[in-house]
Amino acid sequence: MIKEAIDKILGLAGIHTEQIGEQVFTNSDLRRVHEATTETLKVRNLGGIVDYITSNFDGKFPFIVHIQSPTHVSVVTGYNRDLQRNLIIEANALLPDINFGSYYNIESFNILLQSCFVQTNTRDALLSIVGNVKDEQVTSFGDDGVSQQVTAKTGVATVENVKLPNPVHLKPFRTFVEIEQPESAFVFRMKDGPSAALFEADGGEWKLRAIAEIKVYLDERLEDFINDDKVVIIG
């Protein structure tokens, strides 16, 4: 009964806060009061990042622009008193779905090349090959087990065996459209059906080049803010 009375009296007392070092505590079980964080803005391009920073809409400088990958860039603040960063805005690239390493039938592969790859001479050469295949049989030849040939139409009335190029260098859409899509090597394979596939063959080196290109893009457009120590870009 006495304990309940004491708890009641303590409950009627006002709630106080006290700062100890950089942390704020309250006399209500001495629980730490966390600093509020922002709701993250989400955009789909690098231009959205640039527009937000240059507008100084919220006046929350300085910012760190973190290029986390070829498809993800985030803008964060410095540490708050809880040693947490506010994630202000993030951009995630809107990209087509390309399944490297998977075989497509010829019609689907043709559409994939035209809709998901930047136009280059190599891309056009592949389109010419797969668009003129006349035989379902894909022949392997050569001692290395890599070279292939197909029967394809090469003229108005000419059909002959065509050696498949390997490796091929292509520019699929894999990063933000504001920058040049990085070119990289692929192994081009076909099999009976016929069907075709592309296998990535650069060990992911294209990702480093894409990140570097994103940094150049942002450096150029945020130069004044970088010089004024309002923005730091890392990638």
C-alpha atoms as a PDB file:
ATOM      1  CA  MET A   1       0.000   0.000   0.000  1.00  0.00           C
ATOM      2  CA  ILE A   2       2.836   2.369   0.935  1.00  0.00           C
ATOM      3  CA  LYS A   3       4.718   1.467  -2.263  1.00  0.00           C
ATOM      4  CA  GLU A   4       1.653   2.215  -4.370  1.00  0.00           C
ATOM      5  CA  ALA A   5       1.271   5.584  -2.650  1.00  0.00           C
ATOM      6  CA  ILE A   6       4.923   6.466  -3.294  1.00  0.00           C
ATOM      7  CA  ASP A   7       4.585   5.458  -6.958  1.00  0.00           C
ATOM      8  CA  LYS A   8       1.464   7.618  -7.203  1.00  0.00           C
ATOM      9  CA  ILE A   9       3.281  10.614  -5.742  1.00  0.00           C
ATOM     10  CA  LEU A  10       6.228  10.127  -8.098  1.00  0.00           C
ATOM     11  CA  GLY A  11       3.812   9.814 -10.990  1.00  0.00           C
ATOM     12  CA  LEU A  12       2.308  13.195 -10.154  1.00  0.00           C
ATOM     13  CA  ALA A  13       5.717  14.834 -10.261  1.00  0.00           C
ATOM     14  CA  GLY A  14       6.653  16.649 -13.443  1.00  0.00           C
ATOM     15  CA  ILE A  15       8.807  14.900 -16.023  1.00  0.00           C
ATOM     16  CA  HIS A  16      12.240  16.453 -16.220  1.00  0.00           C
ATOM     17  CA  THR A  17      15.063  16.008 -18.692  1.00  0.00           C
ATOM     18  CA  GLU A  18      18.761  16.288 -18.086  1.00  0.00           C
ATOM     19  CA  GLN A  19      21.651  16.430 -20.508  1.00  0.00           C
ATOM     20  CA  ILE A  20      24.623  14.241 -19.646  1.00  0.00           C
ATOM     21  CA  GLY A  21      27.390  14.771 -22.135  1.00  0.00           C
ATOM     22  CA  GLU A  22      25.757  14.743 -25.558  1.00  0.00           C
ATOM     23  CA  GLN A  23      22.822  12.556 -24.482  1.00  0.00           C
ATOM     24  CA  VAL A  24      19.460  13.712 -23.105  1.00  0.00           C
ATOM     25  CA  PHE A  25      17.720  11.706 -20.362  1.00  0.00           C
ATOM     26  CA  THR A  26      14.365  11.923 -18.624  1.00  0.00           C
ATOM     27  CA  ASN A  27      13.335  11.046 -15.044  1.00  0.00           C
ATOM     28  CA  SER A  28      10.713   8.724 -16.492  1.00  0.00           C
ATOM     29  CA  ASP A  29      12.783   5.522 -16.140  1.00  0.00           C
ATOM     30  CA  LEU A  30      15.771   7.534 -17.421  1.00  0.00           C
ATOM     31  CA  ARG A  31      15.065   6.545 -20.995  1.00  0.00           C
ATOM     32  CA  ARG A  32      17.043   8.266 -23.681  1.00  0.00           C
ATOM     33  CA  VAL A  33      15.084  10.762 -25.799  1.00  0.00           C
ATOM     34  CA  HIS A  34      15.996  10.072 -29.420  1.00  0.00           C
ATOM     35  CA  GLU A  35      16.369  12.962 -31.813  1.00  0.00           C
ATOM     36  CA  ALA A  36      13.753  12.938 -34.542  1.00  0.00           C
ATOM     37  CA  THR A  37      14.830  11.928 -38.044  1.00  0.00           C
ATOM     38  CA  THR A  38      13.462  13.027 -41.381  1.00  0.00           C
ATOM     39  CA  GLU A  39      11.273  11.149 -43.834  1.00  0.00           C
ATOM     40  CA  THR A  40      13.422  10.230 -46.823  1.00  0.00           C
ATOM     41  CA  LEU A  41      12.591  11.666 -50.236  1.00  0.00           C
ATOM     42  CA  LYS A  42      12.831   9.108 -53.042  1.00  0.00           C
ATOM     43  CA  VAL A  43      13.664   9.934 -56.646  1.00  0.00           C
ATOM     44  CA  ARG A  44      14.599   7.929 -59.723  1.00  0.00           C
ATOM     45  CA  ASN A  45      17.332  10.025 -61.295  1.00  0.00           C
ATOM     46  CA  LEU A  46      20.463  12.009 -60.491  1.00  0.00           C
ATOM     47  CA  GLY A  47      18.724  15.231 -61.510  1.00  0.00           C
ATOM     48  CA  GLY A  48      16.438  14.921 -58.504  1.00  0.00           C
ATOM     49  CA  ILE A  49      19.464  14.853 -56.189  1.00  0.00           C
ATOM     50  CA  VAL A  50      20.947  17.924 -57.869  1.00  0.00           C
ATOM     51  CA  ASP A  51      17.643  19.821 -57.835  1.00  0.00           C
ATOM     52  CA  TYR A  52      17.117  19.213 -54.125  1.00  0.00           C
ATOM     53  CA  ILE A  53      20.611  20.297 -53.100  1.00  0.00           C
ATOM     54  CA  THR A  54      20.768  23.381 -55.323  1.00  0.00           C
ATOM     55  CA  SER A  55      17.336  24.567 -54.177  1.00  0.00           C
ATOM     56  CA  ASN A  56      18.491  24.673 -50.523  1.00  0.00           C
ATOM     57  CA  PHE A  57      14.861  23.860 -49.743  1.00  0.00           C
ATOM     58  CA  ASP A  58      15.416  22.681 -46.178  1.00  0.00           C
ATOM     59  CA  GLY A  59      18.643  24.556 -45.435  1.00  0.00           C
ATOM     60  CA  LYS A  60      20.268  21.550 -43.771  1.00  0.00           C
ATOM     61  CA  PHE A  61      23.835  21.815 -45.055  1.00  0.00           C
ATOM     62  CA  PRO A  62      26.374  20.243 -44.990  1.00  0.00           C
ATOM     63  CA  PHE A  63      25.519  17.033 -46.842  1.00  0.00           C
ATOM     64  CA  ILE A  64      27.376  13.878 -47.762  1.00  0.00           C
ATOM     65  CA  VAL A  65      26.432  12.514 -51.184  1.00  0.00           C
ATOM     66  CA  HIS A  66      27.204   8.801 -51.078  1.00  0.00           C
ATOM     67  CA  ILE A  67      27.428   6.929 -54.383  1.00  0.00           C
ATOM     68  CA  GLN A  68      26.723   3.470 -53.045  1.00  0.00           C
ATOM     69  CA  SER A  69      26.461   1.656 -56.374  1.00  0.00           C
ATOM     70  CA  PRO A  70      25.766   2.334 -60.071  1.00  0.00           C
ATOM     71  CA  THR A  71      22.052   2.328 -59.226  1.00  0.00           C
ATOM     72  CA  HIS A  72      21.847   3.925 -55.769  1.00  0.00           C
ATOM     73  CA  VAL A  73      22.894   7.384 -54.537  1.00  0.00           C
ATOM     74  CA  SER A  74      21.972   8.771 -51.132  1.00  0.00           C
ATOM     75  CA  VAL A  75      22.284  12.159 -49.426  1.00  0.00           C
ATOM     76  CA  VAL A  76      22.860  12.161 -45.673  1.00  0.00           C
ATOM     77  CA  THR A  77      23.646  14.697 -42.951  1.00  0.00           C
ATOM     78  CA  GLY A  78      26.388  14.565 -40.355  1.00  0.00           C
ATOM     79  CA  TYR A  79      25.861  12.693 -37.105  1.00  0.00           C
ATOM     80  CA  ASN A  80      23.132  13.898 -34.785  1.00  0.00           C
ATOM     81  CA  ARG A  81      23.469  13.600 -31.004  1.00  0.00           C
ATOM     82  CA  ASP A  82      22.520   9.894 -31.225  1.00  0.00           C
ATOM     83  CA  LEU A  83      25.371   9.307 -33.694  1.00  0.00           C
ATOM     84  CA  GLN A  84      22.804   8.680 -36.433  1.00  0.00           C
ATOM     85  CA  ARG A  85      22.655  10.311 -39.858  1.00  0.00           C
ATOM     86  CA  ASN A  86      19.495  11.683 -41.445  1.00  0.00           C
ATOM     87  CA  LEU A  87      18.884  10.099 -44.844  1.00  0.00           C
ATOM     88  CA  ILE A  88      17.530  13.157 -46.644  1.00  0.00           C
ATOM     89  CA  ILE A  89      17.005  11.917 -50.197  1.00  0.00           C
ATOM     90  CA  GLU A  90      17.971   8.850 -52.204  1.00  0.00           C
ATOM     91  CA  ALA A  91      17.954   8.042 -55.900  1.00  0.00           C
ATOM     92  CA  ASN A  92      17.402   4.542 -57.256  1.00  0.00           C
ATOM     93  CA  ALA A  93      17.852   4.138 -61.005  1.00  0.00           C
ATOM     94  CA  LEU A  94      14.826   2.968 -62.966  1.00  0.00           C
ATOM     95  CA  LEU A  95      16.216   0.193 -65.168  1.00  0.00           C
ATOM     96  CA  PRO A  96      14.967  -2.578 -67.458  1.00  0.00           C
ATOM     97  CA  ASP A  97      15.075  -6.173 -66.295  1.00  0.00           C
ATOM     98  CA  ILE A  98      17.956  -7.984 -68.028  1.00  0.00           C
ATOM     99  CA  ASN A  99      18.700 -11.568 -67.035  1.00  0.00           C
ATOM    100  CA  PHE A 100      22.330 -12.107 -67.960  1.00  0.00           C
ATOM    101  CA  GLY A 101      23.237 -15.777 -68.031  1.00  0.00           C
ATOM    102  CA  SER A 102      19.730 -16.835 -69.047  1.00  0.00           C
ATOM    103  CA  TYR A 103      18.804 -18.093 -72.511  1.00  0.00           C
ATOM    104  CA  TYR A 104      16.100 -16.255 -74.467  1.00  0.00           C
ATOM    105  CA  ASN A 105      14.300 -17.489 -77.545  1.00  0.00           C
ATOM    106  CA  ILE A 106      15.333 -15.595 -80.660  1.00  0.00           C
ATOM    107  CA  GLU A 107      12.319 -13.270 -80.701  1.00  0.00           C
ATOM    108  CA  SER A 108      12.755 -12.298 -77.047  1.00  0.00           C
ATOM    109  CA  PHE A 109      16.515 -11.862 -77.498  1.00  0.00           C
ATOM    110  CA  ASN A 110      15.942  -9.593 -80.492  1.00  0.00           C
ATOM    111  CA  ILE A 111      13.560  -7.417 -78.458  1.00  0.00           C
ATOM    112  CA  LEU A 112      15.982  -7.391 -75.519  1.00  0.00           C
ATOM    113  CA  LEU A 113      18.853  -6.102 -77.655  1.00  0.00           C
ATOM    114  CA  GLN A 114      16.751  -3.325 -79.164  1.00  0.00           C
ATOM    115  CA  SER A 115      15.045  -2.151 -75.987  1.00  0.00           C
ATOM    116  CA  CYS A 116      17.650  -2.620 -73.259  1.00  0.00           C
ATOM    117  CA  PHE A 117      20.972  -1.843 -74.976  1.00  0.00           C
ATOM    118  CA  VAL A 118      22.466   1.355 -76.357  1.00  0.00           C
ATOM    119  CA  GLN A 119      22.745   1.277 -80.155  1.00  0.00           C
ATOM    120  CA  THR A 120      26.288   0.314 -81.208  1.00  0.00           C
ATOM    121  CA  ASN A 121      27.814  -1.455 -84.208  1.00  0.00           C
ATOM    122  CA  THR A 122      28.271  -4.605 -82.136  1.00  0.00           C
ATOM    123  CA  ARG A 123      24.655  -4.626 -81.015  1.00  0.00           C
ATOM    124  CA  ASP A 124      23.517  -4.200 -84.617  1.00  0.00           C
ATOM    125  CA  ALA A 125      25.780  -7.076 -85.709  1.00  0.00           C
ATOM    126  CA  LEU A 126      24.209  -9.373 -83.112  1.00  0.00           C
ATOM    127  CA  LEU A 127      20.741  -8.330 -84.247  1.00  0.00           C
ATOM    128  CA  SER A 128      21.690  -9.191 -87.814  1.00  0.00           C
ATOM    129  CA  ILE A 129      22.884 -12.646 -86.786  1.00  0.00           C
ATOM    130  CA  VAL A 130      19.982 -13.653 -84.552  1.00  0.00           C
ATOM    131  CA  GLY A 131      17.455 -12.106 -86.917  1.00  0.00           C
ATOM    132  CA  ASN A 132      18.649 -14.218 -89.835  1.00  0.00           C
ATOM    133  CA  VAL A 133      19.158 -17.615 -88.216  1.00  0.00           C
ATOM    134  CA  LYS A 134      17.699 -20.279 -90.549  1.00  0.00           C
ATOM    135  CA  ASP A 135      18.542 -23.493 -88.729  1.00  0.00           C
ATOM    136  CA  GLU A 136      17.670 -24.653 -85.241  1.00  0.00           C
ATOM    137  CA  GLN A 137      20.993 -26.480 -84.965  1.00  0.00           C
ATOM    138  CA  VAL A 138      23.889 -24.589 -83.345  1.00  0.00           C
ATOM    139  CA  THR A 139      27.281 -26.077 -84.174  1.00  0.00           C
ATOM    140  CA  SER A 140      30.327 -25.888 -81.922  1.00  0.00           C
ATOM    141  CA  PHE A 141      33.694 -25.939 -83.619  1.00  0.00           C
ATOM    142  CA  GLY A 142      37.299 -25.363 -82.659  1.00  0.00           C
ATOM    143  CA  ASP A 143      39.466 -27.127 -80.124  1.00  0.00           C
ATOM    144  CA  ASP A 144      38.767 -24.614 -77.347  1.00  0.00           C
ATOM    145  CA  GLY A 145      35.088 -25.561 -77.115  1.00  0.00           C
ATOM    146  CA  VAL A 146      34.121 -21.886 -77.232  1.00  0.00           C
ATOM    147  CA  SER A 147      33.634 -20.975 -80.874  1.00  0.00           C
ATOM    148  CA  GLN A 148      30.168 -21.510 -82.356  1.00  0.00           C
ATOM    149  CA  GLN A 149      28.513 -21.149 -85.736  1.00  0.00           C
ATOM    150  CA  VAL A 150      24.937 -21.009 -86.956  1.00  0.00           C
ATOM    151  CA  THR A 151      23.284 -21.226 -90.337  1.00  0.00           C
ATOM    152  CA  ALA A 152      22.098 -17.736 -91.235  1.00  0.00           C
ATOM    153  CA  LYS A 153      20.904 -15.793 -94.239  1.00  0.00           C
ATOM    154  CA  THR A 154      23.755 -13.559 -95.432  1.00  0.00           C
ATOM    155  CA  GLY A 155      22.303 -12.203 -98.665  1.00  0.00           C
ATOM    156  CA  VAL A 156      19.164 -12.008-100.752  1.00  0.00           C
ATOM    157  CA  ALA A 157      19.398 -15.694-101.634  1.00  0.00           C
ATOM    158  CA  THR A 158      22.465 -16.817 -99.701  1.00  0.00           C
ATOM    159  CA  VAL A 159      22.492 -19.026 -96.613  1.00  0.00           C
ATOM    160  CA  GLU A 160      25.804 -20.031 -95.038  1.00  0.00           C
ATOM    161  CA  ASN A 161      27.465 -20.859 -91.746  1.00  0.00           C
ATOM    162  CA  VAL A 162      28.232 -17.759 -89.681  1.00  0.00           C
ATOM    163  CA  LYS A 163      30.751 -17.745 -86.838  1.00  0.00           C
ATOM    164  CA  LEU A 164      29.416 -16.135 -83.674  1.00  0.00           C
ATOM    165  CA  PRO A 165      31.543 -13.230 -82.395  1.00  0.00           C
ATOM    166  CA  ASN A 166      33.121 -13.654 -78.954  1.00  0.00           C
ATOM    167  CA  PRO A 167      33.574 -11.818 -76.731  1.00  0.00           C
ATOM    168  CA  VAL A 168      31.218  -8.979 -77.617  1.00  0.00           C
ATOM    169  CA  HIS A 169      31.339  -5.476 -76.141  1.00  0.00           C
ATOM    170  CA  LEU A 170      27.933  -3.954 -75.424  1.00  0.00           C
ATOM    171  CA  LYS A 171      26.305  -1.109 -73.485  1.00  0.00           C
ATOM    172  CA  PRO A 172      23.242  -2.351 -71.613  1.00  0.00           C
ATOM    173  CA  PHE A 173      21.219   0.114 -69.551  1.00  0.00           C
ATOM    174  CA  ARG A 174      22.594  -0.611 -66.062  1.00  0.00           C
ATOM    175  CA  THR A 175      22.971   2.784 -64.421  1.00  0.00           C
ATOM    176  CA  PHE A 176      21.364   6.235 -64.347  1.00  0.00           C
ATOM    177  CA  VAL A 177      20.400   7.483 -67.805  1.00  0.00           C
ATOM    178  CA  GLU A 178      22.078  10.867 -67.226  1.00  0.00           C
ATOM    179  CA  ILE A 179      25.507   9.313 -67.661  1.00  0.00           C
ATOM    180  CA  GLU A 180      26.973   7.297 -70.528  1.00  0.00           C
ATOM    181  CA  GLN A 181      26.234   3.620 -70.103  1.00  0.00           C
ATOM    182  CA  PRO A 182      29.515   1.760 -69.504  1.00  0.00           C
ATOM    183  CA  GLU A 183      30.608  -0.684 -72.165  1.00  0.00           C
ATOM    184  CA  SER A 184      31.753  -4.116 -71.041  1.00  0.00           C
ATOM    185  CA  ALA A 185      32.596  -7.564 -72.382  1.00  0.00           C
ATOM    186  CA  PHE A 186      30.074 -10.384 -72.674  1.00  0.00           C
ATOM    187  CA  VAL A 187      30.263 -13.986 -73.764  1.00  0.00           C
ATOM    188  CA  PHE A 188      27.629 -14.515 -76.479  1.00  0.00           C
ATOM    189  CA  ARG A 189      26.286 -18.052 -76.654  1.00  0.00           C
ATOM    190  CA  MET A 190      23.554 -19.810 -78.595  1.00  0.00           C
ATOM    191  CA  LYS A 191      22.090 -23.281 -78.298  1.00  0.00           C
ATOM    192  CA  ASP A 192      19.637 -25.458 -80.163  1.00  0.00           C
ATOM    193  CA  GLY A 193      16.141 -24.123 -80.395  1.00  0.00           C
ATOM    194  CA  PRO A 194      17.612 -21.731 -81.229  1.00  0.00           C
ATOM    195  CA  SER A 195      18.092 -19.527 -78.180  1.00  0.00           C
ATOM    196  CA  ALA A 196      20.725 -16.985 -77.165  1.00  0.00           C
ATOM    197  CA  ALA A 197      22.287 -15.646 -73.977  1.00  0.00           C
ATOM    198  CA  LEU A 198      24.810 -13.079 -72.793  1.00  0.00           C
ATOM    199  CA  PHE A 199      27.159 -13.777 -69.885  1.00  0.00           C
ATOM    200  CA  GLU A 200      28.970 -10.932 -68.127  1.00  0.00           C
ATOM    201  CA  ALA A 201      32.722 -11.268 -68.615  1.00  0.00           C
ATOM    202  CA  ASP A 202      34.400  -8.238 -67.039  1.00  0.00           C
ATOM    203  CA  GLY A 203      34.338  -9.216 -63.362  1.00  0.00           C
ATOM    204  CA  GLY A 204      32.144  -6.244 -62.459  1.00  0.00           C
ATOM    205  CA  GLU A 205      34.721  -3.656 -63.556  1.00  0.00           C
ATOM    206  CA  TRP A 206      31.943  -1.699 -65.270  1.00  0.00           C
ATOM    207  CA  LYS A 207      30.494  -0.860 -61.852  1.00  0.00           C
ATOM    208  CA  LEU A 208      33.617   1.059 -60.842  1.00  0.00           C
ATOM    209  CA  ARG A 209      33.529   3.042 -64.085  1.00  0.00           C
ATOM    210  CA  ALA A 210      29.841   3.811 -63.618  1.00  0.00           C
ATOM    211  CA  ILE A 211      30.430   5.071 -60.068  1.00  0.00           C
ATOM    212  CA  ALA A 212      33.291   7.241 -61.338  1.00  0.00           C
ATOM    213  CA  GLU A 213      31.039   8.698 -64.060  1.00  0.00           C
ATOM    214  CA  ILE A 214      28.290   9.442 -61.533  1.00  0.00           C
ATOM    215  CA  LYS A 215      30.834  11.284 -59.386  1.00  0.00           C
ATOM    216  CA  VAL A 216      31.977  13.363 -62.364  1.00  0.00           C
ATOM    217  CA  TYR A 217      28.349  14.226 -63.159  1.00  0.00           C
ATOM    218  CA  LEU A 218      27.657  15.362 -59.590  1.00  0.00           C
ATOM    219  CA  ASP A 219      31.009  17.159 -59.202  1.00  0.00           C
ATOM    220  CA  GLU A 220      30.255  19.315 -62.242  1.00  0.00           C
ATOM    221  CA  ARG A 221      26.743  20.264 -61.139  1.00  0.00           C
ATOM    222  CA  LEU A 222      27.488  20.789 -57.443  1.00  0.00           C
ATOM    223  CA  GLU A 223      30.880  22.462 -57.845  1.00  0.00           C
ATOM    224  CA  ASP A 224      29.935  25.659 -55.986  1.00  0.00           C
ATOM    225  CA  PHE A 225      28.510  23.731 -53.042  1.00  0.00           C
ATOM    226  CA  ILE A 226      31.621  21.548 -52.881  1.00  0.00           C
ATOM    227  CA  ASN A 227      33.896  24.606 -52.903  1.00  0.00           C
ATOM    228  CA  ASP A 228      31.835  26.161 -50.081  1.00  0.00           C
ATOM    229  CA  ASP A 229      32.196  22.970 -47.992  1.00  0.00           C
ATOM    230  CA  LYS A 230      28.452  22.396 -48.107  1.00  0.00           C
ATOM    231  CA  VAL A 231      28.645  19.101 -49.983  1.00  0.00           C
ATOM    232  CA  VAL A 232      31.086  16.196 -49.895  1.00  0.00           C
ATOM    233  CA  ILE A 233      30.773  13.509 -52.567  1.00  0.00           C
ATOM    234  CA  ILE A 234      32.108  10.038 -51.868  1.00  0.00           C
ATOM    235  CA  GLY A 235      31.947   7.023 -54.120  1.00  0.00           C
END
